[in-house]
N, C-alpha and C. Protein backbone atom coordinates (compact mmCIF):
# COMPACT_ATOMS: atom_id res chain seq x y z
N MET A 1 -33.79 -0.13 -56.96
CA MET A 1 -33.45 0.99 -56.12
C MET A 1 -33.53 0.63 -54.64
N LYS A 2 -34.62 -0.09 -54.28
CA LYS A 2 -34.79 -0.50 -52.89
C LYS A 2 -33.68 -1.46 -52.49
N GLU A 3 -33.27 -2.31 -53.43
CA GLU A 3 -32.21 -3.28 -53.17
C GLU A 3 -30.88 -2.56 -52.92
N ASP A 4 -30.61 -1.49 -53.67
CA ASP A 4 -29.38 -0.72 -53.49
C ASP A 4 -29.35 -0.06 -52.12
N LYS A 5 -30.50 0.45 -51.68
CA LYS A 5 -30.59 1.07 -50.36
C LYS A 5 -30.31 0.05 -49.27
N GLN A 6 -30.86 -1.15 -49.41
CA GLN A 6 -30.66 -2.20 -48.42
C GLN A 6 -29.18 -2.60 -48.35
N LYS A 7 -28.54 -2.70 -49.52
CA LYS A 7 -27.11 -3.04 -49.55
C LYS A 7 -26.29 -1.95 -48.86
N LEU A 8 -26.63 -0.71 -49.11
CA LEU A 8 -25.91 0.42 -48.51
C LEU A 8 -26.07 0.41 -46.98
N VAL A 9 -27.29 0.17 -46.51
CA VAL A 9 -27.54 0.10 -45.06
C VAL A 9 -26.77 -1.08 -44.47
N PHE A 10 -26.80 -2.22 -45.13
CA PHE A 10 -26.09 -3.40 -44.64
C PHE A 10 -24.59 -3.15 -44.55
N ILE A 11 -24.02 -2.57 -45.60
CA ILE A 11 -22.58 -2.27 -45.62
C ILE A 11 -22.24 -1.25 -44.54
N SER A 12 -23.08 -0.25 -44.37
CA SER A 12 -22.83 0.78 -43.33
C SER A 12 -22.83 0.15 -41.94
N ILE A 13 -23.79 -0.71 -41.68
CA ILE A 13 -23.87 -1.39 -40.38
C ILE A 13 -22.65 -2.28 -40.18
N LEU A 14 -22.26 -3.00 -41.21
CA LEU A 14 -21.10 -3.87 -41.13
C LEU A 14 -19.82 -3.08 -40.82
N VAL A 15 -19.64 -1.96 -41.51
CA VAL A 15 -18.47 -1.11 -41.28
C VAL A 15 -18.49 -0.58 -39.84
N LEU A 16 -19.66 -0.17 -39.37
CA LEU A 16 -19.79 0.34 -38.01
C LEU A 16 -19.44 -0.73 -36.97
N VAL A 17 -19.92 -1.94 -37.17
CA VAL A 17 -19.62 -3.05 -36.26
C VAL A 17 -18.12 -3.33 -36.24
N VAL A 18 -17.49 -3.34 -37.40
CA VAL A 18 -16.04 -3.58 -37.48
C VAL A 18 -15.28 -2.48 -36.76
N LEU A 19 -15.67 -1.23 -36.97
CA LEU A 19 -15.01 -0.10 -36.30
C LEU A 19 -15.14 -0.20 -34.78
N VAL A 20 -16.33 -0.51 -34.30
CA VAL A 20 -16.54 -0.66 -32.86
C VAL A 20 -15.66 -1.80 -32.33
N GLY A 21 -15.59 -2.89 -33.05
CA GLY A 21 -14.75 -4.02 -32.65
C GLY A 21 -13.28 -3.63 -32.57
N VAL A 22 -12.79 -2.90 -33.56
CA VAL A 22 -11.39 -2.46 -33.57
C VAL A 22 -11.12 -1.53 -32.39
N VAL A 23 -12.01 -0.58 -32.14
CA VAL A 23 -11.83 0.35 -31.02
C VAL A 23 -11.80 -0.41 -29.70
N LEU A 24 -12.73 -1.33 -29.50
CA LEU A 24 -12.74 -2.12 -28.26
C LEU A 24 -11.47 -2.95 -28.12
N PHE A 25 -11.02 -3.54 -29.20
CA PHE A 25 -9.79 -4.34 -29.17
C PHE A 25 -8.60 -3.47 -28.77
N LEU A 26 -8.45 -2.32 -29.39
CA LEU A 26 -7.34 -1.42 -29.08
C LEU A 26 -7.43 -0.92 -27.65
N PHE A 27 -8.62 -0.58 -27.19
CA PHE A 27 -8.80 -0.09 -25.82
C PHE A 27 -8.42 -1.17 -24.81
N ASN A 28 -8.84 -2.40 -25.05
CA ASN A 28 -8.57 -3.48 -24.10
C ASN A 28 -7.12 -3.96 -24.14
N ASN A 29 -6.40 -3.71 -25.21
CA ASN A 29 -5.01 -4.13 -25.31
C ASN A 29 -4.04 -2.99 -24.99
N LYS A 30 -4.56 -1.89 -24.51
CA LYS A 30 -3.72 -0.75 -24.16
C LYS A 30 -2.75 -1.15 -23.06
N LYS A 31 -1.47 -0.80 -23.23
CA LYS A 31 -0.46 -1.10 -22.21
C LYS A 31 -0.88 -0.43 -20.92
N GLY A 32 -0.66 -1.16 -19.82
CA GLY A 32 -0.94 -0.57 -18.53
C GLY A 32 -2.42 -0.46 -18.23
N THR A 33 -3.19 -1.47 -18.59
CA THR A 33 -4.61 -1.41 -18.28
C THR A 33 -4.84 -1.57 -16.79
N GLY A 34 -3.82 -2.06 -16.08
CA GLY A 34 -3.93 -2.13 -14.64
C GLY A 34 -4.65 -3.36 -14.13
N THR A 35 -4.94 -4.31 -14.97
CA THR A 35 -5.59 -5.53 -14.51
C THR A 35 -4.56 -6.42 -13.84
N ILE A 36 -4.74 -6.61 -12.54
CA ILE A 36 -3.78 -7.39 -11.75
C ILE A 36 -4.57 -8.46 -11.01
N ASN A 37 -4.57 -9.68 -11.56
CA ASN A 37 -5.35 -10.76 -10.97
C ASN A 37 -4.52 -11.90 -10.41
N SER A 38 -3.25 -11.97 -10.78
CA SER A 38 -2.44 -13.13 -10.38
C SER A 38 -1.01 -12.70 -10.10
N VAL A 39 -0.23 -13.64 -9.56
CA VAL A 39 1.18 -13.39 -9.30
C VAL A 39 1.91 -13.07 -10.61
N SER A 40 1.57 -13.76 -11.68
CA SER A 40 2.23 -13.46 -12.96
C SER A 40 1.86 -12.06 -13.46
N ASP A 41 0.63 -11.61 -13.20
CA ASP A 41 0.25 -10.23 -13.54
C ASP A 41 1.09 -9.23 -12.74
N ILE A 42 1.32 -9.53 -11.47
CA ILE A 42 2.12 -8.64 -10.61
C ILE A 42 3.55 -8.58 -11.14
N LYS A 43 4.13 -9.73 -11.46
CA LYS A 43 5.51 -9.75 -11.98
C LYS A 43 5.60 -8.98 -13.30
N SER A 44 4.62 -9.15 -14.15
CA SER A 44 4.59 -8.44 -15.43
C SER A 44 4.47 -6.93 -15.20
N MET A 45 3.64 -6.54 -14.24
CA MET A 45 3.49 -5.13 -13.91
C MET A 45 4.82 -4.55 -13.43
N ILE A 46 5.51 -5.26 -12.55
CA ILE A 46 6.80 -4.79 -12.03
C ILE A 46 7.79 -4.60 -13.17
N LYS A 47 7.85 -5.57 -14.07
CA LYS A 47 8.74 -5.46 -15.23
C LYS A 47 8.43 -4.22 -16.06
N THR A 48 7.16 -3.98 -16.30
CA THR A 48 6.74 -2.81 -17.08
C THR A 48 7.11 -1.51 -16.37
N ILE A 49 6.88 -1.45 -15.08
CA ILE A 49 7.19 -0.26 -14.29
C ILE A 49 8.68 0.04 -14.34
N TYR A 50 9.50 -1.00 -14.24
CA TYR A 50 10.95 -0.82 -14.18
C TYR A 50 11.57 -0.40 -15.51
N LYS A 51 10.90 -0.65 -16.62
CA LYS A 51 11.47 -0.34 -17.94
C LYS A 51 11.85 1.13 -18.08
N GLN A 52 11.16 2.00 -17.38
CA GLN A 52 11.36 3.44 -17.55
C GLN A 52 12.18 4.08 -16.44
N VAL A 53 12.76 3.26 -15.54
CA VAL A 53 13.52 3.80 -14.42
C VAL A 53 14.90 3.15 -14.38
N ASP A 54 15.94 3.95 -14.19
CA ASP A 54 17.30 3.44 -14.08
C ASP A 54 17.54 3.02 -12.63
N LEU A 55 17.47 1.72 -12.38
CA LEU A 55 17.59 1.16 -11.03
C LEU A 55 18.77 0.20 -10.97
N PRO A 56 19.24 -0.13 -9.75
CA PRO A 56 20.28 -1.15 -9.64
C PRO A 56 19.69 -2.51 -10.02
N GLU A 57 20.53 -3.52 -10.10
CA GLU A 57 20.04 -4.87 -10.42
C GLU A 57 19.13 -5.35 -9.30
N LEU A 58 17.91 -5.70 -9.68
CA LEU A 58 16.90 -6.10 -8.70
C LEU A 58 16.40 -7.50 -8.99
N ALA A 59 16.06 -8.21 -7.92
CA ALA A 59 15.46 -9.54 -8.04
C ALA A 59 14.00 -9.44 -7.61
N THR A 60 13.13 -10.06 -8.37
CA THR A 60 11.71 -10.11 -8.02
C THR A 60 11.41 -11.51 -7.51
N SER A 61 10.79 -11.58 -6.33
CA SER A 61 10.54 -12.87 -5.68
C SER A 61 9.11 -12.96 -5.19
N VAL A 62 8.58 -14.17 -5.28
CA VAL A 62 7.27 -14.46 -4.70
C VAL A 62 7.53 -14.97 -3.28
N ILE A 63 6.89 -14.35 -2.31
CA ILE A 63 7.08 -14.71 -0.91
C ILE A 63 5.96 -15.66 -0.49
N ASP A 64 6.32 -16.68 0.27
CA ASP A 64 5.34 -17.63 0.80
C ASP A 64 4.52 -16.92 1.86
N VAL A 65 3.26 -16.66 1.60
CA VAL A 65 2.43 -15.90 2.53
C VAL A 65 2.11 -16.67 3.80
N LYS A 66 2.41 -17.95 3.83
CA LYS A 66 2.23 -18.72 5.06
C LYS A 66 3.29 -18.36 6.09
N ASN A 67 4.41 -17.80 5.63
CA ASN A 67 5.50 -17.39 6.51
C ASN A 67 5.21 -15.98 7.03
N GLU A 68 4.60 -15.91 8.20
CA GLU A 68 4.17 -14.63 8.76
C GLU A 68 5.34 -13.69 9.03
N ASP A 69 6.51 -14.23 9.40
CA ASP A 69 7.68 -13.39 9.66
C ASP A 69 8.12 -12.65 8.39
N GLU A 70 8.13 -13.35 7.27
CA GLU A 70 8.51 -12.70 6.01
C GLU A 70 7.46 -11.69 5.57
N VAL A 71 6.20 -12.02 5.73
CA VAL A 71 5.13 -11.09 5.39
C VAL A 71 5.30 -9.81 6.20
N THR A 72 5.57 -9.95 7.49
CA THR A 72 5.77 -8.78 8.36
C THR A 72 7.00 -7.99 7.95
N ALA A 73 8.10 -8.68 7.68
CA ALA A 73 9.35 -8.00 7.31
C ALA A 73 9.21 -7.19 6.03
N TYR A 74 8.50 -7.72 5.05
CA TYR A 74 8.40 -7.05 3.75
C TYR A 74 7.21 -6.11 3.60
N THR A 75 6.29 -6.15 4.57
CA THR A 75 5.10 -5.30 4.45
C THR A 75 4.81 -4.45 5.68
N GLY A 76 5.24 -4.90 6.84
CA GLY A 76 4.86 -4.24 8.08
C GLY A 76 3.54 -4.77 8.63
N LEU A 77 2.85 -5.61 7.88
CA LEU A 77 1.60 -6.20 8.37
C LEU A 77 1.91 -7.16 9.52
N GLN A 78 1.12 -7.10 10.56
CA GLN A 78 1.37 -7.92 11.73
C GLN A 78 0.77 -9.33 11.60
N SER A 79 0.02 -9.54 10.54
CA SER A 79 -0.62 -10.84 10.31
C SER A 79 -0.67 -11.11 8.81
N ASN A 80 -0.66 -12.39 8.47
CA ASN A 80 -0.77 -12.78 7.06
C ASN A 80 -2.21 -13.18 6.71
N LYS A 81 -3.11 -12.99 7.64
CA LYS A 81 -4.50 -13.44 7.53
C LYS A 81 -5.19 -12.98 6.24
N ASP A 82 -5.01 -11.74 5.86
CA ASP A 82 -5.72 -11.19 4.69
C ASP A 82 -4.85 -11.07 3.45
N VAL A 83 -3.68 -11.70 3.47
CA VAL A 83 -2.75 -11.63 2.34
C VAL A 83 -2.94 -12.85 1.45
N GLU A 84 -3.34 -12.62 0.21
CA GLU A 84 -3.50 -13.71 -0.76
C GLU A 84 -2.18 -14.02 -1.46
N ALA A 85 -1.42 -12.96 -1.80
CA ALA A 85 -0.14 -13.14 -2.48
C ALA A 85 0.76 -11.96 -2.14
N LEU A 86 2.07 -12.21 -2.18
CA LEU A 86 3.06 -11.16 -1.92
C LEU A 86 4.23 -11.34 -2.87
N VAL A 87 4.51 -10.30 -3.63
CA VAL A 87 5.66 -10.29 -4.54
C VAL A 87 6.51 -9.09 -4.15
N ILE A 88 7.81 -9.34 -3.98
CA ILE A 88 8.72 -8.26 -3.61
C ILE A 88 9.81 -8.11 -4.66
N SER A 89 10.44 -6.97 -4.64
CA SER A 89 11.59 -6.72 -5.49
C SER A 89 12.60 -5.97 -4.65
N ASN A 90 13.83 -6.48 -4.64
CA ASN A 90 14.90 -5.81 -3.89
C ASN A 90 16.24 -6.07 -4.56
N PRO A 91 17.28 -5.32 -4.17
CA PRO A 91 18.57 -5.44 -4.83
C PRO A 91 19.21 -6.81 -4.64
N THR A 92 19.92 -7.25 -5.67
CA THR A 92 20.64 -8.52 -5.56
C THR A 92 22.00 -8.31 -4.92
N MET A 93 22.74 -7.32 -5.37
CA MET A 93 24.09 -7.07 -4.84
C MET A 93 24.36 -5.57 -4.79
N THR A 94 23.88 -4.92 -3.76
CA THR A 94 24.15 -3.49 -3.62
C THR A 94 23.86 -3.07 -2.20
N SER A 95 24.42 -1.98 -1.80
CA SER A 95 24.16 -1.46 -0.46
C SER A 95 23.07 -0.39 -0.49
N GLN A 96 22.27 -0.41 -1.53
CA GLN A 96 21.19 0.57 -1.69
C GLN A 96 19.94 0.11 -0.95
N ALA A 97 19.34 1.03 -0.20
CA ALA A 97 18.06 0.74 0.45
C ALA A 97 16.97 0.77 -0.61
N TYR A 98 16.35 -0.38 -0.87
CA TYR A 98 15.29 -0.44 -1.87
C TYR A 98 14.39 -1.62 -1.56
N LEU A 99 13.09 -1.38 -1.52
CA LEU A 99 12.12 -2.45 -1.39
C LEU A 99 10.84 -2.06 -2.11
N LEU A 100 10.37 -2.97 -2.93
CA LEU A 100 9.06 -2.86 -3.56
C LEU A 100 8.27 -4.07 -3.10
N SER A 101 7.12 -3.85 -2.50
CA SER A 101 6.24 -4.94 -2.06
C SER A 101 4.87 -4.74 -2.69
N VAL A 102 4.36 -5.79 -3.31
CA VAL A 102 3.02 -5.76 -3.89
C VAL A 102 2.21 -6.86 -3.22
N VAL A 103 1.16 -6.45 -2.53
CA VAL A 103 0.33 -7.37 -1.76
C VAL A 103 -1.02 -7.50 -2.44
N LYS A 104 -1.37 -8.73 -2.80
CA LYS A 104 -2.73 -8.99 -3.29
C LYS A 104 -3.55 -9.38 -2.06
N VAL A 105 -4.58 -8.61 -1.80
CA VAL A 105 -5.39 -8.74 -0.59
C VAL A 105 -6.56 -9.69 -0.85
N LYS A 106 -6.88 -10.50 0.15
CA LYS A 106 -8.02 -11.41 0.02
C LYS A 106 -9.32 -10.63 -0.08
N ASP A 107 -10.29 -11.21 -0.77
CA ASP A 107 -11.61 -10.58 -0.90
C ASP A 107 -12.20 -10.33 0.48
N GLY A 108 -12.81 -9.16 0.64
CA GLY A 108 -13.47 -8.83 1.90
C GLY A 108 -12.58 -8.18 2.94
N ALA A 109 -11.27 -8.13 2.70
CA ALA A 109 -10.35 -7.52 3.66
C ALA A 109 -10.44 -6.00 3.55
N ASN A 110 -10.10 -5.32 4.63
CA ASN A 110 -10.13 -3.86 4.68
C ASN A 110 -8.80 -3.32 4.16
N VAL A 111 -8.76 -2.96 2.90
CA VAL A 111 -7.53 -2.51 2.24
C VAL A 111 -6.97 -1.26 2.90
N GLU A 112 -7.82 -0.29 3.21
CA GLU A 112 -7.35 0.96 3.82
C GLU A 112 -6.70 0.71 5.18
N LYS A 113 -7.28 -0.16 5.95
CA LYS A 113 -6.72 -0.50 7.27
C LYS A 113 -5.36 -1.19 7.09
N MET A 114 -5.26 -2.06 6.12
CA MET A 114 -3.99 -2.76 5.86
C MET A 114 -2.91 -1.78 5.41
N LYS A 115 -3.27 -0.83 4.55
CA LYS A 115 -2.29 0.17 4.10
C LYS A 115 -1.78 0.99 5.28
N GLN A 116 -2.67 1.40 6.16
CA GLN A 116 -2.26 2.18 7.32
C GLN A 116 -1.35 1.36 8.23
N GLU A 117 -1.67 0.09 8.41
CA GLU A 117 -0.83 -0.80 9.22
C GLU A 117 0.56 -0.93 8.60
N MET A 118 0.62 -1.02 7.29
CA MET A 118 1.91 -1.10 6.60
C MET A 118 2.70 0.18 6.83
N LEU A 119 2.05 1.33 6.68
CA LEU A 119 2.72 2.62 6.88
C LEU A 119 3.25 2.74 8.31
N ASP A 120 2.45 2.32 9.27
CA ASP A 120 2.83 2.45 10.68
C ASP A 120 3.94 1.50 11.10
N ASN A 121 4.07 0.35 10.43
CA ASN A 121 4.97 -0.69 10.94
C ASN A 121 6.15 -1.05 10.06
N ILE A 122 6.17 -0.65 8.80
CA ILE A 122 7.30 -1.04 7.95
C ILE A 122 8.57 -0.36 8.47
N ASP A 123 9.66 -1.09 8.44
CA ASP A 123 10.94 -0.59 8.96
C ASP A 123 11.73 0.03 7.81
N MET A 124 11.80 1.35 7.79
CA MET A 124 12.53 2.05 6.74
C MET A 124 14.04 1.96 6.95
N ASP A 125 14.45 1.40 8.09
CA ASP A 125 15.87 1.21 8.41
C ASP A 125 16.21 -0.29 8.43
N MET A 126 15.55 -1.09 7.64
CA MET A 126 15.69 -2.54 7.69
C MET A 126 17.05 -3.05 7.17
N TRP A 127 17.80 -2.21 6.52
CA TRP A 127 19.08 -2.62 5.95
C TRP A 127 20.22 -2.23 6.88
N ILE A 128 21.36 -2.87 6.72
CA ILE A 128 22.54 -2.53 7.50
C ILE A 128 23.19 -1.31 6.86
N CYS A 129 23.39 -0.28 7.62
CA CYS A 129 24.11 0.94 7.21
C CYS A 129 23.37 1.85 6.24
N VAL A 130 22.21 1.51 5.76
CA VAL A 130 21.46 2.39 4.87
C VAL A 130 19.99 2.41 5.28
N SER A 131 19.31 3.47 4.90
CA SER A 131 17.88 3.62 5.20
C SER A 131 17.17 4.17 3.97
N ALA A 132 15.90 3.86 3.88
CA ALA A 132 15.08 4.43 2.81
C ALA A 132 14.72 5.86 3.19
N ASP A 133 14.75 6.76 2.21
CA ASP A 133 14.40 8.16 2.44
C ASP A 133 12.91 8.41 2.30
N LYS A 134 12.28 7.68 1.38
CA LYS A 134 10.89 7.96 1.04
C LYS A 134 10.10 6.65 0.91
N LEU A 135 8.87 6.69 1.39
CA LEU A 135 7.96 5.54 1.33
C LEU A 135 6.64 6.00 0.72
N TYR A 136 6.16 5.24 -0.26
CA TYR A 136 4.85 5.48 -0.85
C TYR A 136 4.04 4.20 -0.74
N ILE A 137 2.77 4.36 -0.39
CA ILE A 137 1.83 3.23 -0.36
C ILE A 137 0.52 3.70 -0.98
N THR A 138 -0.04 2.87 -1.85
CA THR A 138 -1.39 3.09 -2.35
C THR A 138 -1.95 1.74 -2.76
N ASN A 139 -3.11 1.75 -3.34
CA ASN A 139 -3.69 0.51 -3.84
C ASN A 139 -4.44 0.78 -5.13
N SER A 140 -4.62 -0.28 -5.87
CA SER A 140 -5.52 -0.28 -7.01
C SER A 140 -6.39 -1.51 -6.82
N GLY A 141 -7.62 -1.28 -6.44
CA GLY A 141 -8.50 -2.40 -6.11
C GLY A 141 -7.97 -3.15 -4.90
N ASN A 142 -7.81 -4.46 -5.05
CA ASN A 142 -7.33 -5.27 -3.93
C ASN A 142 -5.83 -5.55 -4.01
N VAL A 143 -5.09 -4.67 -4.67
CA VAL A 143 -3.63 -4.79 -4.76
C VAL A 143 -3.00 -3.57 -4.10
N ILE A 144 -2.20 -3.82 -3.05
CA ILE A 144 -1.50 -2.74 -2.35
C ILE A 144 -0.08 -2.67 -2.88
N PHE A 145 0.36 -1.46 -3.16
CA PHE A 145 1.68 -1.18 -3.73
C PHE A 145 2.48 -0.36 -2.74
N LEU A 146 3.65 -0.86 -2.35
CA LEU A 146 4.55 -0.16 -1.43
C LEU A 146 5.92 -0.08 -2.07
N VAL A 147 6.52 1.11 -2.07
CA VAL A 147 7.90 1.26 -2.52
C VAL A 147 8.60 2.19 -1.54
N MET A 148 9.83 1.78 -1.13
CA MET A 148 10.64 2.67 -0.29
C MET A 148 12.10 2.56 -0.71
N THR A 149 12.70 3.73 -0.87
CA THR A 149 14.08 3.84 -1.32
C THR A 149 14.47 5.32 -1.24
N ASN A 150 15.43 5.75 -2.06
CA ASN A 150 15.72 7.19 -2.10
C ASN A 150 14.56 7.89 -2.80
N GLU A 151 14.46 9.18 -2.59
CA GLU A 151 13.30 9.93 -3.07
C GLU A 151 13.13 9.86 -4.59
N GLU A 152 14.22 9.96 -5.34
CA GLU A 152 14.14 9.96 -6.80
C GLU A 152 13.58 8.63 -7.33
N TRP A 153 14.16 7.53 -6.88
CA TRP A 153 13.69 6.22 -7.36
C TRP A 153 12.27 5.94 -6.88
N ALA A 154 12.00 6.22 -5.61
CA ALA A 154 10.67 5.94 -5.06
C ALA A 154 9.60 6.69 -5.84
N THR A 155 9.85 7.96 -6.11
CA THR A 155 8.87 8.78 -6.83
C THR A 155 8.67 8.26 -8.25
N SER A 156 9.75 7.91 -8.94
CA SER A 156 9.65 7.41 -10.31
C SER A 156 8.89 6.09 -10.37
N VAL A 157 9.24 5.15 -9.50
CA VAL A 157 8.59 3.84 -9.49
C VAL A 157 7.11 4.00 -9.12
N TYR A 158 6.84 4.81 -8.12
CA TYR A 158 5.46 5.04 -7.68
C TYR A 158 4.62 5.67 -8.79
N ASN A 159 5.16 6.68 -9.45
CA ASN A 159 4.42 7.32 -10.55
C ASN A 159 4.19 6.36 -11.70
N ASN A 160 5.15 5.47 -11.96
CA ASN A 160 4.96 4.46 -13.02
C ASN A 160 3.87 3.47 -12.64
N PHE A 161 3.76 3.13 -11.35
CA PHE A 161 2.66 2.27 -10.92
C PHE A 161 1.32 2.96 -11.18
N LYS A 162 1.22 4.22 -10.79
CA LYS A 162 -0.04 4.95 -10.99
C LYS A 162 -0.39 5.01 -12.48
N LYS A 163 0.62 5.22 -13.30
CA LYS A 163 0.40 5.24 -14.75
C LYS A 163 -0.06 3.86 -15.23
N TYR A 164 0.55 2.81 -14.72
CA TYR A 164 0.21 1.44 -15.12
C TYR A 164 -1.27 1.13 -14.85
N VAL A 165 -1.77 1.60 -13.70
CA VAL A 165 -3.16 1.32 -13.34
C VAL A 165 -4.09 2.47 -13.76
N ASN A 166 -3.61 3.30 -14.70
CA ASN A 166 -4.40 4.41 -15.23
C ASN A 166 -4.90 5.34 -14.12
N ASN A 167 -4.06 5.52 -13.11
CA ASN A 167 -4.35 6.39 -11.96
C ASN A 167 -5.61 5.96 -11.21
N ASN A 168 -5.97 4.70 -11.34
CA ASN A 168 -7.11 4.13 -10.63
C ASN A 168 -6.61 3.63 -9.27
N ILE A 169 -6.42 4.57 -8.35
CA ILE A 169 -5.80 4.23 -7.07
C ILE A 169 -6.67 4.70 -5.91
N GLY A 170 -6.36 4.14 -4.73
CA GLY A 170 -7.03 4.56 -3.51
C GLY A 170 -6.24 5.67 -2.83
N LYS A 171 -6.47 5.81 -1.56
CA LYS A 171 -5.80 6.84 -0.76
C LYS A 171 -4.28 6.63 -0.83
N GLU A 172 -3.56 7.74 -0.99
CA GLU A 172 -2.10 7.68 -1.08
C GLU A 172 -1.51 8.00 0.29
N LEU A 173 -0.58 7.15 0.73
CA LEU A 173 0.12 7.35 2.00
C LEU A 173 1.60 7.52 1.73
N THR A 174 2.23 8.45 2.41
CA THR A 174 3.67 8.66 2.24
C THR A 174 4.32 8.88 3.59
N LYS A 175 5.61 8.62 3.61
CA LYS A 175 6.40 8.86 4.81
C LYS A 175 7.82 9.19 4.37
N SER A 176 8.42 10.14 5.06
CA SER A 176 9.83 10.46 4.84
C SER A 176 10.60 10.02 6.07
N ASN A 177 11.81 9.56 5.85
CA ASN A 177 12.66 9.08 6.93
C ASN A 177 13.71 10.15 7.19
N ASN A 178 13.45 10.98 8.15
CA ASN A 178 14.39 12.05 8.50
C ASN A 178 15.30 11.56 9.62
N ILE A 179 16.45 11.08 9.23
CA ILE A 179 17.40 10.53 10.19
C ILE A 179 18.16 11.67 10.85
N GLU A 180 18.16 11.65 12.17
CA GLU A 180 18.92 12.65 12.91
C GLU A 180 20.25 12.04 13.32
N LEU A 181 21.33 12.70 12.92
CA LEU A 181 22.66 12.22 13.26
C LEU A 181 23.06 12.73 14.64
N PRO A 182 23.83 11.93 15.38
CA PRO A 182 24.32 12.38 16.69
C PRO A 182 25.24 13.59 16.51
N ASP A 183 25.30 14.43 17.54
CA ASP A 183 26.11 15.65 17.49
C ASP A 183 27.55 15.39 17.10
N GLU A 184 28.15 14.30 17.60
CA GLU A 184 29.56 14.02 17.29
C GLU A 184 29.79 13.78 15.79
N LEU A 185 28.77 13.31 15.08
CA LEU A 185 28.90 13.13 13.64
C LEU A 185 28.68 14.43 12.87
N LEU A 186 28.01 15.38 13.50
CA LEU A 186 27.75 16.66 12.85
C LEU A 186 28.89 17.65 13.04
N ALA A 187 29.74 17.41 14.02
CA ALA A 187 30.85 18.34 14.31
C ALA A 187 31.85 18.34 13.17
N ASN A 188 32.45 19.51 12.94
CA ASN A 188 33.44 19.64 11.86
C ASN A 188 34.69 19.02 12.28
């Protein structure tokens, strides 16, 4: 009788350990866990985000962070000092205003200050003949996410990023580009 009780306790503990292991495995393999540690993680995240949005053909590129001019052009940051990695996505062949910039920030850098600098300095009119309507910036840990384009695409891509990182984000910054046309263009 005592032996049967011991077997039952042993089997119960074994089943419990297996169940806990399965739950942990499923939890850790959940799509969009938001773990972004490398350039390949950033590229994978971008691919996942884009799966649910109808966008023009886009190219994803790793930018050399030693090139301060490119860092400034794609982020608005005036220095590359605190940038560990930069991955951008923009149209290959279209006249659509679209830019996605993902900045991996060096340890110890002030992420909030960098986000504000990006908001203040990014050129929403960087394209010839077109401008971005909406800009969103946020971060998840030491990864800053910027998207600017028309309002529909920007909102969809931004919301997919938040979903990808399980809404584990910092302060959200937004800007709208309200272009004022000259009177001669407004006349009938």
